[in-house]
């Protein structure tokens, strides 16, 4: 998922710190699987700028989730 976001044209791409914070957030929520709800609820941990969060939510979230699932599987 993070690799897919890093390829996107974002104001600030997620780095190692954001990736680790995101993993901790998912763990704290008890997320066993990455689904649209978990991703949507934690996207702000990965993306620091509201413009990036809004654009990804509006245009790319389902596609990114599918891409992440395909590469994991």
N, C-alpha and C. Protein backbone atom coordinates (compact mmCIF):
# COMPACT_ATOMS: atom_id res chain seq x y z
N UNK A 1 0.82 -1.19 0.00
CA UNK A 1 0.00 0.00 0.00
C UNK A 1 0.87 1.26 0.00
N UNK A 2 1.86 1.26 0.85
CA UNK A 2 2.72 2.44 0.96
C UNK A 2 3.51 2.63 -0.34
N UNK A 3 3.96 1.54 -0.93
CA UNK A 3 4.68 1.65 -2.19
C UNK A 3 3.79 2.28 -3.27
N UNK A 4 2.54 1.89 -3.30
CA UNK A 4 1.62 2.47 -4.27
C UNK A 4 1.43 3.96 -4.02
N UNK A 5 1.33 4.36 -2.76
CA UNK A 5 1.19 5.78 -2.44
C UNK A 5 2.45 6.55 -2.79
N UNK A 6 3.59 5.92 -2.63
CA UNK A 6 4.84 6.60 -2.95
C UNK A 6 4.98 6.88 -4.45
N UNK A 7 4.31 6.09 -5.27
CA UNK A 7 4.35 6.32 -6.72
C UNK A 7 3.39 7.41 -7.15
N UNK A 8 2.45 7.73 -6.28
CA UNK A 8 1.43 8.74 -6.61
C UNK A 8 2.05 10.14 -6.54
N UNK A 9 1.41 11.06 -7.20
CA UNK A 9 1.88 12.45 -7.23
C UNK A 9 1.32 13.18 -6.01
N UNK A 10 2.01 13.07 -4.88
CA UNK A 10 1.57 13.68 -3.63
C UNK A 10 2.46 14.85 -3.27
N UNK A 11 1.92 15.74 -2.46
CA UNK A 11 2.72 16.86 -1.97
C UNK A 11 3.85 16.34 -1.09
N UNK A 12 3.54 15.36 -0.21
CA UNK A 12 4.55 14.71 0.60
C UNK A 12 4.27 13.21 0.63
N UNK A 13 5.15 12.46 0.04
CA UNK A 13 4.99 11.01 0.00
C UNK A 13 5.31 10.42 1.38
N UNK A 14 4.63 9.33 1.75
CA UNK A 14 4.91 8.73 3.06
C UNK A 14 6.31 8.13 3.12
N UNK A 15 6.98 8.37 4.23
CA UNK A 15 8.32 7.82 4.44
C UNK A 15 8.29 6.68 5.43
N UNK A 16 9.45 6.33 5.93
CA UNK A 16 9.56 5.22 6.88
C UNK A 16 8.81 5.54 8.17
N UNK A 17 8.96 6.75 8.69
CA UNK A 17 8.29 7.12 9.93
C UNK A 17 6.77 7.02 9.80
N UNK A 18 6.24 7.52 8.70
CA UNK A 18 4.78 7.44 8.49
C UNK A 18 4.33 5.99 8.33
N UNK A 19 5.15 5.18 7.68
CA UNK A 19 4.81 3.77 7.50
C UNK A 19 4.75 3.05 8.85
N UNK A 20 5.72 3.31 9.70
CA UNK A 20 5.73 2.69 11.02
C UNK A 20 4.56 3.18 11.87
N UNK A 21 4.28 4.48 11.82
CA UNK A 21 3.13 5.03 12.55
C UNK A 21 1.83 4.40 12.07
N UNK A 22 1.73 4.20 10.77
CA UNK A 22 0.52 3.62 10.19
C UNK A 22 0.35 2.17 10.65
N UNK A 23 1.44 1.42 10.65
CA UNK A 23 1.38 0.03 11.12
C UNK A 23 0.94 -0.01 12.58
N UNK A 24 1.43 0.90 13.40
CA UNK A 24 1.02 0.96 14.80
C UNK A 24 -0.46 1.33 14.93
N UNK A 25 -0.92 2.25 14.10
CA UNK A 25 -2.33 2.64 14.13
C UNK A 25 -3.23 1.47 13.74
N UNK A 26 -2.85 0.74 12.70
CA UNK A 26 -3.64 -0.42 12.28
C UNK A 26 -3.67 -1.47 13.38
N UNK A 27 -2.52 -1.68 14.01
CA UNK A 27 -2.44 -2.64 15.10
C UNK A 27 -3.31 -2.21 16.28
N UNK A 28 -3.26 -0.93 16.63
CA UNK A 28 -4.06 -0.41 17.74
C UNK A 28 -5.55 -0.57 17.48
N UNK A 29 -5.93 -0.49 16.22
CA UNK A 29 -7.34 -0.66 15.84
C UNK A 29 -7.74 -2.13 15.75
N UNK A 30 -6.75 -3.01 15.84
CA UNK A 30 -7.04 -4.45 15.73
C UNK A 30 -7.31 -4.90 14.31
N UNK A 31 -6.81 -4.15 13.34
CA UNK A 31 -7.04 -4.49 11.94
C UNK A 31 -6.23 -5.73 11.58
N UNK A 32 -6.93 -6.78 11.19
CA UNK A 32 -6.28 -8.02 10.79
C UNK A 32 -6.03 -8.01 9.28
N UNK A 33 -6.95 -7.38 8.57
CA UNK A 33 -6.88 -7.28 7.12
C UNK A 33 -7.00 -5.81 6.73
N UNK A 34 -6.32 -5.46 5.67
CA UNK A 34 -6.44 -4.09 5.18
C UNK A 34 -7.67 -4.01 4.29
N UNK A 35 -8.66 -3.28 4.77
CA UNK A 35 -9.87 -3.09 3.98
C UNK A 35 -10.11 -1.59 3.83
N UNK A 36 -11.14 -1.26 3.08
CA UNK A 36 -11.42 0.14 2.77
C UNK A 36 -11.68 0.96 4.04
N UNK A 37 -12.39 0.40 5.00
CA UNK A 37 -12.68 1.13 6.24
C UNK A 37 -11.41 1.41 7.04
N UNK A 38 -10.55 0.40 7.20
CA UNK A 38 -9.31 0.57 7.95
C UNK A 38 -8.40 1.57 7.24
N UNK A 39 -8.32 1.47 5.94
CA UNK A 39 -7.47 2.39 5.18
C UNK A 39 -8.01 3.81 5.25
N UNK A 40 -9.28 3.96 5.07
CA UNK A 40 -9.89 5.29 5.11
C UNK A 40 -9.73 5.92 6.49
N UNK A 41 -9.84 5.12 7.53
CA UNK A 41 -9.73 5.63 8.89
C UNK A 41 -8.33 5.98 9.32
N UNK A 42 -7.32 5.45 8.64
CA UNK A 42 -5.93 5.68 9.04
C UNK A 42 -5.12 6.42 7.99
N UNK A 43 -5.74 6.83 6.94
CA UNK A 43 -5.02 7.48 5.84
C UNK A 43 -4.29 8.74 6.30
N UNK A 44 -4.85 9.44 7.25
CA UNK A 44 -4.23 10.64 7.76
C UNK A 44 -2.91 10.39 8.48
N UNK A 45 -2.67 9.16 8.89
CA UNK A 45 -1.39 8.81 9.51
C UNK A 45 -0.30 8.71 8.44
N UNK A 46 -0.68 8.22 7.28
CA UNK A 46 0.28 8.07 6.17
C UNK A 46 0.52 9.38 5.44
N UNK A 47 -0.52 10.14 5.25
CA UNK A 47 -0.42 11.37 4.47
C UNK A 47 -0.58 12.57 5.38
N UNK A 48 0.40 13.43 5.40
CA UNK A 48 0.42 14.53 6.36
C UNK A 48 -0.34 15.77 5.91
N UNK A 49 -0.64 15.87 4.64
CA UNK A 49 -1.33 17.05 4.14
C UNK A 49 -2.76 16.70 3.76
N UNK A 50 -3.70 17.52 4.25
CA UNK A 50 -5.12 17.26 4.01
C UNK A 50 -5.44 17.22 2.52
N UNK A 51 -4.75 18.01 1.72
CA UNK A 51 -4.97 17.99 0.27
C UNK A 51 -4.68 16.60 -0.30
N UNK A 52 -3.59 15.98 0.16
CA UNK A 52 -3.24 14.63 -0.30
C UNK A 52 -4.28 13.62 0.18
N UNK A 53 -4.70 13.72 1.44
CA UNK A 53 -5.69 12.80 1.99
C UNK A 53 -6.99 12.90 1.18
N UNK A 54 -7.44 14.11 0.96
CA UNK A 54 -8.70 14.32 0.22
C UNK A 54 -8.60 13.78 -1.21
N UNK A 55 -7.51 14.06 -1.88
CA UNK A 55 -7.37 13.60 -3.27
C UNK A 55 -7.31 12.08 -3.36
N UNK A 56 -6.56 11.46 -2.46
CA UNK A 56 -6.47 10.00 -2.48
C UNK A 56 -7.83 9.39 -2.16
N UNK A 57 -8.52 9.92 -1.17
CA UNK A 57 -9.86 9.39 -0.83
C UNK A 57 -10.82 9.53 -2.01
N UNK A 58 -10.77 10.65 -2.69
CA UNK A 58 -11.74 10.92 -3.76
C UNK A 58 -11.42 10.18 -5.05
N UNK A 59 -10.14 9.94 -5.32
CA UNK A 59 -9.80 9.44 -6.65
C UNK A 59 -9.11 8.09 -6.69
N UNK A 60 -8.44 7.68 -5.61
CA UNK A 60 -7.56 6.53 -5.77
C UNK A 60 -7.69 5.42 -4.73
N UNK A 61 -8.46 5.61 -3.69
CA UNK A 61 -8.46 4.67 -2.59
C UNK A 61 -8.81 3.23 -2.99
N UNK A 62 -9.93 2.98 -3.65
CA UNK A 62 -10.24 1.59 -4.02
C UNK A 62 -9.19 0.96 -4.93
N UNK A 63 -8.69 1.74 -5.87
CA UNK A 63 -7.67 1.22 -6.80
C UNK A 63 -6.38 0.86 -6.06
N UNK A 64 -5.96 1.72 -5.14
CA UNK A 64 -4.77 1.45 -4.36
C UNK A 64 -4.92 0.20 -3.50
N UNK A 65 -6.09 0.03 -2.93
CA UNK A 65 -6.36 -1.15 -2.10
C UNK A 65 -6.31 -2.42 -2.95
N UNK A 66 -6.87 -2.39 -4.14
CA UNK A 66 -6.82 -3.54 -5.04
C UNK A 66 -5.38 -3.84 -5.43
N UNK A 67 -4.62 -2.82 -5.75
CA UNK A 67 -3.22 -2.98 -6.14
C UNK A 67 -2.41 -3.58 -5.00
N UNK A 68 -2.64 -3.13 -3.78
CA UNK A 68 -1.92 -3.65 -2.62
C UNK A 68 -2.28 -5.10 -2.38
N UNK A 69 -3.55 -5.44 -2.53
CA UNK A 69 -3.98 -6.82 -2.33
C UNK A 69 -3.38 -7.75 -3.39
N UNK A 70 -3.31 -7.27 -4.61
CA UNK A 70 -2.76 -8.09 -5.69
C UNK A 70 -1.26 -8.34 -5.49
N UNK A 71 -0.55 -7.34 -5.02
CA UNK A 71 0.89 -7.52 -4.81
C UNK A 71 1.19 -8.35 -3.58
N UNK A 72 0.27 -8.42 -2.63
CA UNK A 72 0.48 -9.21 -1.42
C UNK A 72 0.12 -10.67 -1.63
N UNK A 73 -0.68 -10.90 -2.65
CA UNK A 73 -1.25 -12.19 -2.76
C UNK A 73 -0.71 -13.23 -3.59
